[in-house]
Amino acid sequence: DQTALRHIENPSFGVFYKVHNYVVFTLIADKTYPLKLAAAFLDSLVAPFFDEVRTQFTAANYESKLETL
């Protein structure tokens, strides 16, 4: 699943990330940070990010712009 939460562990911190339409949303936090909270935070970033992308690029071609980045 492309939008599933993924987690990379480190001795002192955790890297949580989700991939959505060619974009990786990342959270670096203490390794004990709750997975559900990390997922909720990252989910809260997706819609506003893509709203801004649609504003900056036309709605018709924003996906092709993201592919080329």
N, C-alpha and C. Protein backbone atom coordinates (compact mmCIF):
# COMPACT_ATOMS: atom_id res chain seq x y z
N ASP A 1 0.84 -1.18 0.00
CA ASP A 1 0.00 0.00 0.00
C ASP A 1 0.88 1.24 0.00
N GLN A 2 0.67 2.10 -0.96
CA GLN A 2 1.50 3.29 -1.13
C GLN A 2 1.37 4.25 0.05
N THR A 3 0.19 4.37 0.64
CA THR A 3 -0.01 5.36 1.69
C THR A 3 0.15 4.79 3.10
N ALA A 4 0.61 3.56 3.22
CA ALA A 4 0.81 2.96 4.54
C ALA A 4 1.95 3.65 5.28
N LEU A 5 1.81 3.76 6.58
CA LEU A 5 2.86 4.35 7.41
C LEU A 5 4.04 3.40 7.46
N ARG A 6 5.21 3.94 7.24
CA ARG A 6 6.44 3.16 7.35
C ARG A 6 7.30 3.79 8.44
N HIS A 7 8.16 2.98 9.03
CA HIS A 7 8.93 3.44 10.17
C HIS A 7 10.35 2.91 10.07
N ILE A 8 11.32 3.78 10.24
CA ILE A 8 12.73 3.39 10.28
C ILE A 8 13.21 3.66 11.69
N GLU A 9 13.72 2.64 12.35
CA GLU A 9 14.18 2.82 13.72
C GLU A 9 15.66 3.17 13.76
N ASN A 10 15.99 3.97 14.74
CA ASN A 10 17.34 4.40 15.02
C ASN A 10 17.48 4.32 16.53
N PRO A 11 18.69 4.17 17.08
CA PRO A 11 18.82 4.09 18.53
C PRO A 11 18.24 5.29 19.29
N SER A 12 18.25 6.47 18.70
CA SER A 12 17.78 7.65 19.43
C SER A 12 16.53 8.31 18.87
N PHE A 13 16.11 7.97 17.64
CA PHE A 13 14.92 8.59 17.08
C PHE A 13 14.29 7.65 16.06
N GLY A 14 13.08 8.00 15.66
CA GLY A 14 12.38 7.23 14.64
C GLY A 14 12.07 8.11 13.45
N VAL A 15 12.07 7.52 12.28
CA VAL A 15 11.68 8.22 11.07
C VAL A 15 10.40 7.56 10.58
N PHE A 16 9.33 8.33 10.56
CA PHE A 16 8.04 7.85 10.10
C PHE A 16 7.78 8.50 8.75
N TYR A 17 7.26 7.74 7.80
CA TYR A 17 6.98 8.36 6.50
C TYR A 17 5.85 7.65 5.77
N LYS A 18 5.22 8.42 4.88
CA LYS A 18 4.19 7.92 3.98
C LYS A 18 4.49 8.45 2.60
N VAL A 19 4.23 7.64 1.59
CA VAL A 19 4.41 8.06 0.20
C VAL A 19 3.03 8.23 -0.40
N HIS A 20 2.80 9.39 -1.01
CA HIS A 20 1.50 9.67 -1.63
C HIS A 20 1.72 10.45 -2.91
N ASN A 21 1.36 9.88 -4.04
CA ASN A 21 1.49 10.55 -5.34
C ASN A 21 2.88 11.17 -5.55
N TYR A 22 3.89 10.35 -5.45
CA TYR A 22 5.28 10.75 -5.72
C TYR A 22 5.90 11.63 -4.64
N VAL A 23 5.21 11.88 -3.55
CA VAL A 23 5.72 12.75 -2.49
C VAL A 23 5.89 11.91 -1.23
N VAL A 24 7.02 12.11 -0.55
CA VAL A 24 7.28 11.42 0.71
C VAL A 24 7.07 12.42 1.84
N PHE A 25 6.10 12.14 2.70
CA PHE A 25 5.83 12.97 3.87
C PHE A 25 6.56 12.32 5.04
N THR A 26 7.40 13.10 5.73
CA THR A 26 8.31 12.54 6.73
C THR A 26 8.17 13.23 8.08
N LEU A 27 8.28 12.43 9.13
CA LEU A 27 8.30 12.93 10.50
C LEU A 27 9.47 12.27 11.21
N ILE A 28 10.33 13.08 11.80
CA ILE A 28 11.43 12.57 12.61
C ILE A 28 11.09 12.92 14.05
N ALA A 29 11.02 11.90 14.89
CA ALA A 29 10.60 12.11 16.28
C ALA A 29 11.33 11.13 17.19
N ASP A 30 11.11 11.31 18.47
CA ASP A 30 11.64 10.36 19.44
C ASP A 30 11.18 8.96 19.07
N LYS A 31 12.04 7.98 19.33
CA LYS A 31 11.70 6.61 18.91
C LYS A 31 10.49 6.05 19.62
N THR A 32 10.06 6.66 20.72
CA THR A 32 8.88 6.19 21.44
C THR A 32 7.60 6.91 20.99
N TYR A 33 7.70 7.76 19.99
CA TYR A 33 6.53 8.50 19.49
C TYR A 33 5.48 7.50 19.03
N PRO A 34 4.23 7.67 19.43
CA PRO A 34 3.18 6.71 19.08
C PRO A 34 2.92 6.63 17.57
N LEU A 35 2.83 5.42 17.05
CA LEU A 35 2.61 5.23 15.61
C LEU A 35 1.30 5.85 15.14
N LYS A 36 0.24 5.71 15.94
CA LYS A 36 -1.05 6.28 15.53
C LYS A 36 -0.98 7.80 15.43
N LEU A 37 -0.27 8.42 16.34
CA LEU A 37 -0.12 9.87 16.31
C LEU A 37 0.73 10.30 15.11
N ALA A 38 1.78 9.55 14.82
CA ALA A 38 2.61 9.84 13.65
C ALA A 38 1.78 9.72 12.37
N ALA A 39 0.97 8.69 12.28
CA ALA A 39 0.13 8.49 11.10
C ALA A 39 -0.88 9.62 10.96
N ALA A 40 -1.49 10.02 12.06
CA ALA A 40 -2.48 11.11 12.03
C ALA A 40 -1.83 12.42 11.62
N PHE A 41 -0.65 12.70 12.14
CA PHE A 41 0.05 13.92 11.79
C PHE A 41 0.39 13.95 10.30
N LEU A 42 0.95 12.86 9.80
CA LEU A 42 1.32 12.81 8.38
C LEU A 42 0.08 12.89 7.50
N ASP A 43 -1.00 12.23 7.89
CA ASP A 43 -2.25 12.32 7.13
C ASP A 43 -2.75 13.76 7.08
N SER A 44 -2.54 14.52 8.15
CA SER A 44 -3.02 15.90 8.18
C SER A 44 -2.23 16.81 7.24
N LEU A 45 -1.08 16.37 6.77
CA LEU A 45 -0.27 17.16 5.85
C LEU A 45 -0.63 16.95 4.39
N VAL A 46 -1.17 15.80 4.06
CA VAL A 46 -1.37 15.42 2.65
C VAL A 46 -2.33 16.36 1.93
N ALA A 47 -3.54 16.53 2.43
CA ALA A 47 -4.54 17.34 1.74
C ALA A 47 -4.11 18.80 1.58
N PRO A 48 -3.63 19.47 2.63
CA PRO A 48 -3.19 20.86 2.45
C PRO A 48 -2.02 20.99 1.47
N PHE A 49 -1.12 20.02 1.49
CA PHE A 49 0.01 20.06 0.56
C PHE A 49 -0.49 20.01 -0.88
N PHE A 50 -1.37 19.06 -1.18
CA PHE A 50 -1.86 18.93 -2.55
C PHE A 50 -2.79 20.07 -2.94
N ASP A 51 -3.48 20.66 -1.98
CA ASP A 51 -4.26 21.87 -2.28
C ASP A 51 -3.34 23.00 -2.73
N GLU A 52 -2.22 23.15 -2.05
CA GLU A 52 -1.26 24.19 -2.42
C GLU A 52 -0.62 23.89 -3.77
N VAL A 53 -0.30 22.64 -4.02
CA VAL A 53 0.27 22.26 -5.31
C VAL A 53 -0.71 22.58 -6.44
N ARG A 54 -1.98 22.27 -6.22
CA ARG A 54 -2.99 22.58 -7.24
C ARG A 54 -3.12 24.08 -7.46
N THR A 55 -2.88 24.88 -6.42
CA THR A 55 -2.92 26.33 -6.55
C THR A 55 -1.72 26.84 -7.35
N GLN A 56 -0.56 26.28 -7.08
CA GLN A 56 0.67 26.72 -7.76
C GLN A 56 0.73 26.26 -9.20
N PHE A 57 0.29 25.05 -9.45
CA PHE A 57 0.24 24.49 -10.80
C PHE A 57 -1.24 24.33 -11.15
N THR A 58 -1.55 24.18 -12.38
CA THR A 58 -2.96 23.96 -12.73
C THR A 58 -3.38 22.58 -12.25
N ALA A 59 -4.64 22.47 -11.94
CA ALA A 59 -5.17 21.19 -11.45
C ALA A 59 -4.98 20.09 -12.48
N ALA A 60 -4.96 20.45 -13.75
CA ALA A 60 -4.85 19.45 -14.81
C ALA A 60 -3.46 18.84 -14.90
N ASN A 61 -2.42 19.58 -14.53
CA ASN A 61 -1.08 19.04 -14.76
C ASN A 61 -0.20 18.94 -13.51
N TYR A 62 -0.77 19.07 -12.33
CA TYR A 62 0.07 19.04 -11.14
C TYR A 62 0.76 17.69 -10.95
N GLU A 63 0.10 16.59 -11.30
CA GLU A 63 0.73 15.28 -11.14
C GLU A 63 1.95 15.13 -12.04
N SER A 64 1.87 15.62 -13.27
CA SER A 64 3.02 15.54 -14.15
C SER A 64 4.16 16.42 -13.64
N LYS A 65 3.84 17.55 -13.02
CA LYS A 65 4.88 18.41 -12.42
C LYS A 65 5.58 17.67 -11.27
N LEU A 66 4.81 16.98 -10.44
CA LEU A 66 5.40 16.24 -9.33
C LEU A 66 6.27 15.08 -9.84
N GLU A 67 5.85 14.44 -10.90
CA GLU A 67 6.64 13.34 -11.46
C GLU A 67 8.01 13.82 -11.91
N THR A 68 8.08 15.03 -12.45
CA THR A 68 9.35 15.53 -12.99
C THR A 68 10.28 16.08 -11.91
N LEU A 69 9.75 16.35 -10.72
CA LEU A 69 10.60 16.89 -9.65
C LEU A 69 11.51 15.84 -9.16
